[in-house]
């Protein structure tokens, strides 16, 4: 389950931020990549994944994932574009989930 959610979330964040998936998963400290990484980790966390699970899936230290999550609120409060990107990612993931449920319901007998 985490792999499918991981891939869908990564694709949504990449699409919305226009940053390559590889850069989101990289260790590069360039601001736009870090912000995309924060959005990605936050989106997974909002889907119910604990930061320890996210860290294992990303091959990162638990402390680095926790630091990304901890920085989220300050980024939202200080950067309106970051806040809009977060909202757009949430909307995109919600739309994807609704489409999946509709397909499942339409294929039910």
N, C-alpha and C. Protein backbone atom coordinates (compact mmCIF):
# COMPACT_ATOMS: atom_id res chain seq x y z
N UNK A 1 0.82 -1.21 0.00
CA UNK A 1 0.00 0.00 0.00
C UNK A 1 0.87 1.27 0.00
N UNK A 2 1.90 1.30 0.84
CA UNK A 2 2.74 2.49 0.90
C UNK A 2 3.39 2.77 -0.47
N UNK A 3 3.75 1.71 -1.19
CA UNK A 3 4.41 1.93 -2.48
C UNK A 3 3.48 2.64 -3.46
N UNK A 4 2.22 2.20 -3.53
CA UNK A 4 1.27 2.85 -4.44
C UNK A 4 1.00 4.29 -4.00
N UNK A 5 0.75 4.50 -2.72
CA UNK A 5 0.52 5.85 -2.22
C UNK A 5 1.77 6.72 -2.40
N UNK A 6 2.93 6.14 -2.16
CA UNK A 6 4.19 6.84 -2.33
C UNK A 6 4.32 7.34 -3.77
N UNK A 7 4.08 6.47 -4.73
CA UNK A 7 4.22 6.83 -6.14
C UNK A 7 3.18 7.87 -6.57
N UNK A 8 1.92 7.68 -6.15
CA UNK A 8 0.88 8.64 -6.50
C UNK A 8 1.15 10.01 -5.89
N UNK A 9 1.60 10.01 -4.65
CA UNK A 9 1.89 11.27 -3.96
C UNK A 9 3.09 11.95 -4.59
N UNK A 10 4.11 11.20 -4.89
CA UNK A 10 5.30 11.76 -5.53
C UNK A 10 4.94 12.36 -6.89
N UNK A 11 4.11 11.66 -7.65
CA UNK A 11 3.68 12.18 -8.95
C UNK A 11 2.88 13.47 -8.80
N UNK A 12 1.99 13.51 -7.81
CA UNK A 12 1.18 14.71 -7.59
C UNK A 12 2.05 15.90 -7.19
N UNK A 13 2.98 15.68 -6.29
CA UNK A 13 3.87 16.77 -5.85
C UNK A 13 4.74 17.23 -7.00
N UNK A 14 5.25 16.30 -7.78
CA UNK A 14 6.08 16.65 -8.93
C UNK A 14 5.28 17.46 -9.95
N UNK A 15 4.06 17.03 -10.20
CA UNK A 15 3.19 17.72 -11.17
C UNK A 15 2.87 19.14 -10.71
N UNK A 16 2.48 19.28 -9.46
CA UNK A 16 2.08 20.60 -8.93
C UNK A 16 3.27 21.55 -8.81
N UNK A 17 4.40 21.04 -8.31
CA UNK A 17 5.56 21.91 -8.09
C UNK A 17 6.43 22.06 -9.33
N UNK A 18 6.20 21.19 -10.33
CA UNK A 18 7.00 21.18 -11.55
C UNK A 18 8.48 20.88 -11.26
N UNK A 19 8.70 20.02 -10.27
CA UNK A 19 10.04 19.58 -9.90
C UNK A 19 10.12 18.08 -10.14
N UNK A 20 11.19 17.65 -10.78
CA UNK A 20 11.37 16.23 -11.09
C UNK A 20 11.31 15.38 -9.83
N UNK A 21 10.75 14.19 -9.98
CA UNK A 21 10.65 13.25 -8.86
C UNK A 21 12.02 12.97 -8.26
N UNK A 22 13.03 12.82 -9.10
CA UNK A 22 14.38 12.53 -8.62
C UNK A 22 14.90 13.64 -7.72
N UNK A 23 14.59 14.88 -8.07
CA UNK A 23 15.04 16.01 -7.26
C UNK A 23 14.30 16.07 -5.92
N UNK A 24 13.03 15.69 -5.94
CA UNK A 24 12.26 15.66 -4.69
C UNK A 24 12.87 14.64 -3.73
N UNK A 25 13.28 13.52 -4.27
CA UNK A 25 13.84 12.45 -3.44
C UNK A 25 15.33 12.62 -3.16
N UNK A 26 15.95 13.59 -3.80
CA UNK A 26 17.39 13.79 -3.64
C UNK A 26 17.73 14.39 -2.27
N UNK A 27 19.02 14.56 -2.04
CA UNK A 27 19.47 15.20 -0.80
C UNK A 27 19.86 16.66 -1.03
N UNK A 28 19.60 17.15 -2.23
CA UNK A 28 19.94 18.53 -2.58
C UNK A 28 19.25 19.50 -1.62
N UNK A 29 19.99 20.49 -1.18
CA UNK A 29 19.45 21.46 -0.21
C UNK A 29 18.98 22.75 -0.85
N UNK A 30 18.86 22.77 -2.16
CA UNK A 30 18.34 23.95 -2.85
C UNK A 30 16.90 24.17 -2.39
N UNK A 31 16.54 25.42 -2.12
CA UNK A 31 15.28 25.73 -1.47
C UNK A 31 14.05 25.11 -2.14
N UNK A 32 13.93 25.21 -3.46
CA UNK A 32 12.72 24.70 -4.10
C UNK A 32 12.62 23.18 -3.99
N UNK A 33 13.76 22.51 -3.96
CA UNK A 33 13.74 21.04 -3.79
C UNK A 33 13.36 20.65 -2.37
N UNK A 34 13.88 21.39 -1.42
CA UNK A 34 13.55 21.12 -0.02
C UNK A 34 12.06 21.37 0.22
N UNK A 35 11.54 22.45 -0.33
CA UNK A 35 10.12 22.74 -0.15
C UNK A 35 9.25 21.67 -0.79
N UNK A 36 9.62 21.19 -1.96
CA UNK A 36 8.87 20.10 -2.59
C UNK A 36 8.95 18.84 -1.73
N UNK A 37 10.11 18.60 -1.15
CA UNK A 37 10.30 17.44 -0.26
C UNK A 37 9.41 17.57 0.99
N UNK A 38 9.33 18.77 1.53
CA UNK A 38 8.46 19.00 2.69
C UNK A 38 7.01 18.72 2.30
N UNK A 39 6.58 19.21 1.15
CA UNK A 39 5.22 18.97 0.69
C UNK A 39 4.95 17.48 0.48
N UNK A 40 5.92 16.77 -0.05
CA UNK A 40 5.78 15.34 -0.29
C UNK A 40 5.64 14.57 1.03
N UNK A 41 6.53 14.85 1.96
CA UNK A 41 6.50 14.16 3.25
C UNK A 41 5.22 14.51 4.01
N UNK A 42 4.82 15.76 3.96
CA UNK A 42 3.59 16.18 4.64
C UNK A 42 2.37 15.48 4.03
N UNK A 43 2.33 15.38 2.71
CA UNK A 43 1.20 14.72 2.05
C UNK A 43 1.12 13.25 2.47
N UNK A 44 2.24 12.57 2.53
CA UNK A 44 2.24 11.17 3.00
C UNK A 44 1.78 11.09 4.45
N UNK A 45 2.26 12.01 5.27
CA UNK A 45 1.88 12.03 6.68
C UNK A 45 0.39 12.28 6.83
N UNK A 46 -0.17 13.15 6.02
CA UNK A 46 -1.61 13.44 6.06
C UNK A 46 -2.44 12.24 5.61
N UNK A 47 -1.83 11.35 4.86
CA UNK A 47 -2.51 10.12 4.44
C UNK A 47 -2.43 9.04 5.52
N UNK A 48 -1.77 9.37 6.62
CA UNK A 48 -1.72 8.45 7.76
C UNK A 48 -0.40 7.72 7.94
N UNK A 49 0.59 8.03 7.11
CA UNK A 49 1.87 7.36 7.24
C UNK A 49 2.74 8.05 8.29
N UNK A 50 3.25 7.27 9.22
CA UNK A 50 4.11 7.77 10.28
C UNK A 50 5.47 8.14 9.70
N UNK A 51 6.12 9.12 10.31
CA UNK A 51 7.40 9.57 9.77
C UNK A 51 8.47 8.47 9.76
N UNK A 52 8.35 7.49 10.62
CA UNK A 52 9.31 6.38 10.61
C UNK A 52 9.14 5.55 9.32
N UNK A 53 7.89 5.31 8.94
CA UNK A 53 7.61 4.56 7.70
C UNK A 53 8.08 5.35 6.49
N UNK A 54 7.83 6.64 6.50
CA UNK A 54 8.26 7.51 5.39
C UNK A 54 9.79 7.49 5.28
N UNK A 55 10.46 7.59 6.40
CA UNK A 55 11.93 7.58 6.41
C UNK A 55 12.47 6.28 5.82
N UNK A 56 11.89 5.16 6.21
CA UNK A 56 12.34 3.87 5.68
C UNK A 56 12.12 3.80 4.18
N UNK A 57 10.97 4.24 3.71
CA UNK A 57 10.65 4.18 2.28
C UNK A 57 11.58 5.09 1.47
N UNK A 58 11.94 6.23 2.05
CA UNK A 58 12.80 7.17 1.34
C UNK A 58 14.29 6.87 1.54
N UNK A 59 14.59 5.97 2.46
CA UNK A 59 15.99 5.67 2.75
C UNK A 59 16.69 6.80 3.46
N UNK A 60 15.96 7.47 4.32
CA UNK A 60 16.48 8.64 5.05
C UNK A 60 16.46 8.39 6.56
N UNK A 61 17.19 9.20 7.26
CA UNK A 61 17.18 9.16 8.72
C UNK A 61 15.82 9.65 9.21
N UNK A 62 15.33 9.03 10.26
CA UNK A 62 14.06 9.44 10.85
C UNK A 62 14.11 10.91 11.26
N UNK A 63 15.24 11.34 11.79
CA UNK A 63 15.37 12.74 12.23
C UNK A 63 15.23 13.72 11.08
N UNK A 64 15.68 13.36 9.88
CA UNK A 64 15.55 14.29 8.75
C UNK A 64 14.10 14.40 8.30
N UNK A 65 13.36 13.30 8.34
CA UNK A 65 11.94 13.34 7.98
C UNK A 65 11.16 14.13 9.02
N UNK A 66 11.49 13.92 10.28
CA UNK A 66 10.84 14.68 11.36
C UNK A 66 11.12 16.17 11.21
N UNK A 67 12.34 16.52 10.84
CA UNK A 67 12.70 17.93 10.65
C UNK A 67 11.90 18.54 9.49
N UNK A 68 11.72 17.78 8.42
CA UNK A 68 10.91 18.28 7.30
C UNK A 68 9.48 18.54 7.76
N UNK A 69 8.91 17.58 8.49
CA UNK A 69 7.54 17.76 8.99
C UNK A 69 7.45 18.93 9.96
N UNK A 70 8.44 19.06 10.81
CA UNK A 70 8.44 20.16 11.79
C UNK A 70 8.54 21.53 11.12
N UNK A 71 9.14 21.58 9.93
CA UNK A 71 9.30 22.87 9.25
C UNK A 71 8.05 23.28 8.47
N UNK A 72 7.11 22.37 8.33
CA UNK A 72 5.95 22.62 7.48
C UNK A 72 5.15 23.86 7.92
N UNK A 73 4.78 23.92 9.18
CA UNK A 73 3.91 25.00 9.65
C UNK A 73 4.53 26.38 9.45
N UNK A 74 5.81 26.50 9.74
CA UNK A 74 6.49 27.79 9.55
C UNK A 74 6.50 28.18 8.08
N UNK A 75 6.68 27.21 7.20
CA UNK A 75 6.68 27.49 5.76
C UNK A 75 5.30 27.94 5.28
N UNK A 76 4.26 27.29 5.77
CA UNK A 76 2.89 27.66 5.40
C UNK A 76 2.58 29.09 5.85
N UNK A 77 2.99 29.42 7.07
CA UNK A 77 2.70 30.74 7.63
C UNK A 77 3.49 31.86 6.96
N UNK A 78 4.66 31.54 6.43
CA UNK A 78 5.51 32.60 5.89
C UNK A 78 5.55 32.67 4.36
N UNK A 79 4.90 31.70 3.69
CA UNK A 79 5.01 31.65 2.23
C UNK A 79 3.65 31.29 1.63
N UNK A 80 2.97 32.27 1.07
CA UNK A 80 1.63 32.06 0.51
C UNK A 80 1.66 31.09 -0.68
N UNK A 81 2.72 31.12 -1.46
CA UNK A 81 2.82 30.20 -2.60
C UNK A 81 2.95 28.76 -2.10
N UNK A 82 3.74 28.55 -1.07
CA UNK A 82 3.89 27.23 -0.46
C UNK A 82 2.53 26.72 0.02
N UNK A 83 1.78 27.61 0.66
CA UNK A 83 0.45 27.25 1.16
C UNK A 83 -0.47 26.85 0.00
N UNK A 84 -0.43 27.60 -1.10
CA UNK A 84 -1.26 27.28 -2.26
C UNK A 84 -0.85 25.96 -2.89
N UNK A 85 0.45 25.70 -2.96
CA UNK A 85 0.93 24.43 -3.50
C UNK A 85 0.42 23.26 -2.65
N UNK A 86 0.47 23.43 -1.34
CA UNK A 86 -0.03 22.39 -0.44
C UNK A 86 -1.51 22.12 -0.68
N UNK A 87 -2.28 23.17 -0.81
CA UNK A 87 -3.72 23.02 -1.07
C UNK A 87 -3.97 22.32 -2.41
N UNK A 88 -3.20 22.69 -3.42
CA UNK A 88 -3.37 22.10 -4.75
C UNK A 88 -2.99 20.60 -4.73
N UNK A 89 -1.95 20.26 -4.00
CA UNK A 89 -1.55 18.85 -3.88
C UNK A 89 -2.64 18.05 -3.18
N UNK A 90 -3.18 18.59 -2.09
CA UNK A 90 -4.25 17.91 -1.37
C UNK A 90 -5.46 17.70 -2.27
N UNK A 91 -5.82 18.72 -3.03
CA UNK A 91 -6.96 18.63 -3.94
C UNK A 91 -6.71 17.57 -5.02
N UNK A 92 -5.51 17.56 -5.56
CA UNK A 92 -5.16 16.60 -6.61
C UNK A 92 -5.22 15.16 -6.06
N UNK A 93 -4.70 14.95 -4.87
CA UNK A 93 -4.74 13.62 -4.26
C UNK A 93 -6.17 13.20 -3.92
N UNK A 94 -6.97 14.15 -3.44
CA UNK A 94 -8.38 13.85 -3.15
C UNK A 94 -9.13 13.48 -4.43
N UNK A 95 -8.88 14.23 -5.51
CA UNK A 95 -9.52 13.94 -6.80
C UNK A 95 -9.12 12.55 -7.31
N UNK A 96 -7.84 12.21 -7.17
CA UNK A 96 -7.36 10.88 -7.58
C UNK A 96 -8.04 9.78 -6.79
N UNK A 97 -8.22 10.02 -5.50
CA UNK A 97 -8.86 9.02 -4.64
C UNK A 97 -10.33 8.85 -5.02
N UNK A 98 -11.02 9.95 -5.32
CA UNK A 98 -12.42 9.88 -5.73
C UNK A 98 -12.56 9.12 -7.04
N UNK A 99 -11.65 9.38 -7.99
CA UNK A 99 -11.68 8.67 -9.28
C UNK A 99 -11.48 7.17 -9.07
N UNK A 100 -10.58 6.80 -8.20
CA UNK A 100 -10.32 5.39 -7.92
C UNK A 100 -11.56 4.73 -7.33
N UNK A 101 -12.21 5.40 -6.39
CA UNK A 101 -13.42 4.84 -5.78
C UNK A 101 -14.55 4.73 -6.80
N UNK A 102 -14.67 5.70 -7.71
CA UNK A 102 -15.70 5.63 -8.75
C UNK A 102 -15.45 4.45 -9.68
N UNK A 103 -14.20 4.23 -10.06
CA UNK A 103 -13.87 3.10 -10.93
C UNK A 103 -14.20 1.78 -10.24
N UNK A 104 -13.89 1.70 -8.97
CA UNK A 104 -14.19 0.48 -8.21
C UNK A 104 -15.70 0.26 -8.14
N UNK A 105 -16.43 1.32 -7.84
CA UNK A 105 -17.90 1.21 -7.74
C UNK A 105 -18.54 0.89 -9.09
N UNK A 106 -18.00 1.44 -10.17
CA UNK A 106 -18.56 1.18 -11.50
C UNK A 106 -18.29 -0.25 -11.96
N UNK A 107 -17.24 -0.86 -11.45
CA UNK A 107 -16.91 -2.23 -11.82
C UNK A 107 -17.54 -3.25 -10.90
N UNK A 108 -18.24 -2.80 -9.86
CA UNK A 108 -18.91 -3.73 -8.95
C UNK A 108 -20.14 -4.31 -9.60
N UNK A 109 -20.45 -5.53 -9.24
CA UNK A 109 -21.63 -6.19 -9.85
C UNK A 109 -22.76 -6.12 -8.92
